[in-house]
Amino acid sequence: LLTAHVQYENGNGGAVRLRSLPCFVCATDLTVNLADYGKVHYNISYGENCYIYADIIQFKLDLSSSSAADILMAAARLQESVISLVTLSHPENGSLIKISGVYFYDGALNNTSDSVTELCVYRNMEGSLSKGNRPM
């Protein structure tokens, strides 16, 4: 849930304040060596749930043409390895955070394209595809 508060005076909008669920970056620029894939770079972020973010290109896969089985295998390998290596705790209350899934993106973060394709593979290995324009 996102709540926006906008100062409004004499018909003009002013300062904006947003209130949302806590969101934060847990870790960046991490690396893991995976059998069959080699060295994989990833980040971990939290926004009500905790997710691993990685470029699918590192797995020699493509979100448009690779098989679902291949993408799910890559997600499972990455998630299993990261879960065994990383312990995360919430910065506000110290509770342990469990990783909920893997977000793969299509490499567009590394170029000037305005379009990114992402696929979220949840811990239970179900997927959700998102395609479209978003700011880099």
C-alpha atoms as a PDB file:
ATOM      1  CA  LEU A   1       0.000   0.000   0.000  1.00  0.00           C
ATOM      2  CA  LEU A   2       1.355   3.393  -0.998  1.00  0.00           C
ATOM      3  CA  THR A   3       0.024   6.616   0.481  1.00  0.00           C
ATOM      4  CA  ALA A   4       0.932   9.955  -1.082  1.00  0.00           C
ATOM      5  CA  HIS A   5       0.638  13.290   0.740  1.00  0.00           C
ATOM      6  CA  VAL A   6       0.789  16.377  -1.477  1.00  0.00           C
ATOM      7  CA  GLN A   7       0.942  19.964  -0.274  1.00  0.00           C
ATOM      8  CA  TYR A   8      -1.712  21.892  -2.121  1.00  0.00           C
ATOM      9  CA  GLU A   9      -2.088  25.632  -1.874  1.00  0.00           C
ATOM     10  CA  ASN A  10      -3.834  28.184  -4.098  1.00  0.00           C
ATOM     11  CA  GLY A  11      -4.457  25.603  -6.809  1.00  0.00           C
ATOM     12  CA  ASN A  12      -0.814  24.468  -6.969  1.00  0.00           C
ATOM     13  CA  GLY A  13       0.739  21.212  -5.918  1.00  0.00           C
ATOM     14  CA  GLY A  14       3.833  21.384  -3.740  1.00  0.00           C
ATOM     15  CA  ALA A  15       6.048  18.993  -1.849  1.00  0.00           C
ATOM     16  CA  VAL A  16       5.148  15.296  -1.990  1.00  0.00           C
ATOM     17  CA  ARG A  17       5.693  12.745   0.765  1.00  0.00           C
ATOM     18  CA  LEU A  18       5.230   9.006   0.156  1.00  0.00           C
ATOM     19  CA  ARG A  19       4.570   6.350   2.770  1.00  0.00           C
ATOM     20  CA  SER A  20       4.960   2.709   1.847  1.00  0.00           C
ATOM     21  CA  LEU A  21       6.064  -0.625   3.186  1.00  0.00           C
ATOM     22  CA  PRO A  22       9.735  -0.762   4.164  1.00  0.00           C
ATOM     23  CA  CYS A  23      11.981  -1.354   1.164  1.00  0.00           C
ATOM     24  CA  PHE A  24      15.753  -1.611   1.193  1.00  0.00           C
ATOM     25  CA  VAL A  25      18.759  -3.147  -0.477  1.00  0.00           C
ATOM     26  CA  CYS A  26      20.129  -6.043   1.558  1.00  0.00           C
ATOM     27  CA  ALA A  27      23.344  -6.677  -0.394  1.00  0.00           C
ATOM     28  CA  THR A  28      24.883  -5.698  -3.727  1.00  0.00           C
ATOM     29  CA  ASP A  29      27.635  -6.943  -6.001  1.00  0.00           C
ATOM     30  CA  LEU A  30      27.619 -10.484  -4.605  1.00  0.00           C
ATOM     31  CA  THR A  31      29.039 -13.407  -6.561  1.00  0.00           C
ATOM     32  CA  VAL A  32      28.469 -17.140  -6.451  1.00  0.00           C
ATOM     33  CA  ASN A  33      30.014 -19.927  -8.553  1.00  0.00           C
ATOM     34  CA  LEU A  34      27.358 -22.277  -9.879  1.00  0.00           C
ATOM     35  CA  ALA A  35      27.955 -25.631 -11.510  1.00  0.00           C
ATOM     36  CA  ASP A  36      27.041 -25.465 -15.215  1.00  0.00           C
ATOM     37  CA  TYR A  37      26.828 -21.648 -15.134  1.00  0.00           C
ATOM     38  CA  GLY A  38      30.103 -20.357 -13.674  1.00  0.00           C
ATOM     39  CA  LYS A  39      30.418 -17.084 -11.796  1.00  0.00           C
ATOM     40  CA  VAL A  40      27.074 -15.304 -11.326  1.00  0.00           C
ATOM     41  CA  HIS A  41      26.710 -11.753 -10.000  1.00  0.00           C
ATOM     42  CA  TYR A  42      23.574 -10.824  -8.068  1.00  0.00           C
ATOM     43  CA  ASN A  43      21.966  -8.373  -5.646  1.00  0.00           C
ATOM     44  CA  ILE A  44      19.419  -8.935  -2.885  1.00  0.00           C
ATOM     45  CA  SER A  45      16.612  -6.476  -2.102  1.00  0.00           C
ATOM     46  CA  TYR A  46      13.667  -6.384   0.274  1.00  0.00           C
ATOM     47  CA  GLY A  47      10.217  -4.923  -0.324  1.00  0.00           C
ATOM     48  CA  GLU A  48       7.775  -6.863   1.845  1.00  0.00           C
ATOM     49  CA  ASN A  49       9.578  -9.974   0.552  1.00  0.00           C
ATOM     50  CA  CYS A  50      13.237 -10.602  -0.197  1.00  0.00           C
ATOM     51  CA  TYR A  51      14.409 -11.362  -3.734  1.00  0.00           C
ATOM     52  CA  ILE A  52      17.640 -12.177  -5.539  1.00  0.00           C
ATOM     53  CA  TYR A  53      18.164 -10.034  -8.671  1.00  0.00           C
ATOM     54  CA  ALA A  54      20.349 -11.336 -11.503  1.00  0.00           C
ATOM     55  CA  ASP A  55      20.854 -10.809 -15.212  1.00  0.00           C
ATOM     56  CA  ILE A  56      19.599 -13.902 -17.078  1.00  0.00           C
ATOM     57  CA  ILE A  57      22.347 -13.406 -19.678  1.00  0.00           C
ATOM     58  CA  GLN A  58      24.865 -14.746 -17.135  1.00  0.00           C
ATOM     59  CA  PHE A  59      23.132 -18.119 -17.483  1.00  0.00           C
ATOM     60  CA  LYS A  60      23.354 -17.971 -21.292  1.00  0.00           C
ATOM     61  CA  LEU A  61      19.559 -17.803 -21.320  1.00  0.00           C
ATOM     62  CA  ASP A  62      17.060 -15.351 -22.756  1.00  0.00           C
ATOM     63  CA  LEU A  63      13.680 -14.442 -21.275  1.00  0.00           C
ATOM     64  CA  SER A  64      12.112 -14.326 -24.748  1.00  0.00           C
ATOM     65  CA  SER A  65      13.306 -17.614 -26.190  1.00  0.00           C
ATOM     66  CA  SER A  66      14.704 -19.939 -23.507  1.00  0.00           C
ATOM     67  CA  SER A  67      12.547 -22.769 -22.241  1.00  0.00           C
ATOM     68  CA  ALA A  68      10.679 -22.418 -18.972  1.00  0.00           C
ATOM     69  CA  ALA A  69      12.446 -25.556 -17.705  1.00  0.00           C
ATOM     70  CA  ASP A  70      15.880 -24.009 -18.326  1.00  0.00           C
ATOM     71  CA  ILE A  71      14.910 -20.748 -16.622  1.00  0.00           C
ATOM     72  CA  LEU A  72      13.420 -22.577 -13.629  1.00  0.00           C
ATOM     73  CA  MET A  73      16.575 -24.699 -13.306  1.00  0.00           C
ATOM     74  CA  ALA A  74      18.782 -21.596 -13.299  1.00  0.00           C
ATOM     75  CA  ALA A  75      16.558 -19.930 -10.683  1.00  0.00           C
ATOM     76  CA  ALA A  76      16.565 -23.025  -8.480  1.00  0.00           C
ATOM     77  CA  ARG A  77      20.356 -23.367  -8.623  1.00  0.00           C
ATOM     78  CA  LEU A  78      20.901 -19.686  -7.827  1.00  0.00           C
ATOM     79  CA  GLN A  79      18.351 -19.623  -5.028  1.00  0.00           C
ATOM     80  CA  GLU A  80      19.626 -22.825  -3.378  1.00  0.00           C
ATOM     81  CA  SER A  81      23.209 -21.573  -3.438  1.00  0.00           C
ATOM     82  CA  VAL A  82      22.418 -18.101  -2.140  1.00  0.00           C
ATOM     83  CA  ILE A  83      20.200 -19.444   0.653  1.00  0.00           C
ATOM     84  CA  SER A  84      23.031 -21.704   1.787  1.00  0.00           C
ATOM     85  CA  LEU A  85      25.570 -18.827   1.743  1.00  0.00           C
ATOM     86  CA  VAL A  86      23.718 -15.743   2.962  1.00  0.00           C
ATOM     87  CA  THR A  87      21.916 -14.965   6.219  1.00  0.00           C
ATOM     88  CA  LEU A  88      19.802 -11.812   6.160  1.00  0.00           C
ATOM     89  CA  SER A  89      18.172  -9.891   8.981  1.00  0.00           C
ATOM     90  CA  HIS A  90      15.710  -7.023   8.923  1.00  0.00           C
ATOM     91  CA  PRO A  91      17.465  -3.750   9.873  1.00  0.00           C
ATOM     92  CA  GLU A  92      14.520  -2.438  11.905  1.00  0.00           C
ATOM     93  CA  ASN A  93      13.735  -5.429  14.093  1.00  0.00           C
ATOM     94  CA  GLY A  94      16.570  -7.926  13.585  1.00  0.00           C
ATOM     95  CA  SER A  95      14.270 -10.755  12.517  1.00  0.00           C
ATOM     96  CA  LEU A  96      15.611 -13.192   9.968  1.00  0.00           C
ATOM     97  CA  ILE A  97      14.536 -12.645   6.385  1.00  0.00           C
ATOM     98  CA  LYS A  98      13.853 -15.544   4.072  1.00  0.00           C
ATOM     99  CA  ILE A  99      14.425 -15.256   0.342  1.00  0.00           C
ATOM    100  CA  SER A 100      11.125 -15.490  -1.538  1.00  0.00           C
ATOM    101  CA  GLY A 101      12.422 -15.911  -5.067  1.00  0.00           C
ATOM    102  CA  VAL A 102      14.597 -14.795  -7.951  1.00  0.00           C
ATOM    103  CA  TYR A 103      14.036 -11.856 -10.288  1.00  0.00           C
ATOM    104  CA  PHE A 104      15.757 -12.338 -13.620  1.00  0.00           C
ATOM    105  CA  TYR A 105      16.089  -9.363 -15.937  1.00  0.00           C
ATOM    106  CA  ASP A 106      17.165  -9.357 -19.563  1.00  0.00           C
ATOM    107  CA  GLY A 107      20.386  -7.350 -19.563  1.00  0.00           C
ATOM    108  CA  ALA A 108      18.723  -4.057 -20.485  1.00  0.00           C
ATOM    109  CA  LEU A 109      19.967  -2.537 -17.230  1.00  0.00           C
ATOM    110  CA  ASN A 110      23.408  -2.509 -18.845  1.00  0.00           C
ATOM    111  CA  ASN A 111      22.443  -0.577 -21.976  1.00  0.00           C
ATOM    112  CA  THR A 112      20.524   2.535 -22.935  1.00  0.00           C
ATOM    113  CA  SER A 113      17.217   0.793 -23.687  1.00  0.00           C
ATOM    114  CA  ASP A 114      14.118   2.081 -21.918  1.00  0.00           C
ATOM    115  CA  SER A 115      12.569  -1.382 -21.945  1.00  0.00           C
ATOM    116  CA  VAL A 116      13.285  -4.203 -19.518  1.00  0.00           C
ATOM    117  CA  THR A 117      11.826  -7.685 -19.380  1.00  0.00           C
ATOM    118  CA  GLU A 118      11.769  -9.286 -15.940  1.00  0.00           C
ATOM    119  CA  LEU A 119      10.690 -12.670 -14.712  1.00  0.00           C
ATOM    120  CA  CYS A 120      10.075 -13.449 -11.070  1.00  0.00           C
ATOM    121  CA  VAL A 121      10.464 -17.097 -10.104  1.00  0.00           C
ATOM    122  CA  TYR A 122       8.974 -17.567  -6.657  1.00  0.00           C
ATOM    123  CA  ARG A 123      10.481 -19.933  -4.120  1.00  0.00           C
ATOM    124  CA  ASN A 124       7.874 -22.553  -5.025  1.00  0.00           C
ATOM    125  CA  MET A 125       9.118 -22.231  -8.654  1.00  0.00           C
ATOM    126  CA  GLU A 126       6.055 -20.504 -10.058  1.00  0.00           C
ATOM    127  CA  GLY A 127       6.756 -17.595 -12.396  1.00  0.00           C
ATOM    128  CA  SER A 128       5.422 -14.151 -13.223  1.00  0.00           C
ATOM    129  CA  LEU A 129       6.557 -12.314 -16.366  1.00  0.00           C
ATOM    130  CA  SER A 130       6.641  -8.523 -16.579  1.00  0.00           C
ATOM    131  CA  LYS A 131       7.537  -6.717 -19.779  1.00  0.00           C
ATOM    132  CA  GLY A 132       7.528  -3.024 -20.475  1.00  0.00           C
ATOM    133  CA  ASN A 133       9.084   0.365 -20.128  1.00  0.00           C
ATOM    134  CA  ARG A 134      10.375   1.583 -16.829  1.00  0.00           C
ATOM    135  CA  PRO A 135      13.040   4.082 -15.835  1.00  0.00           C
ATOM    136  CA  MET A 136      16.523   2.721 -15.516  1.00  0.00           C
END
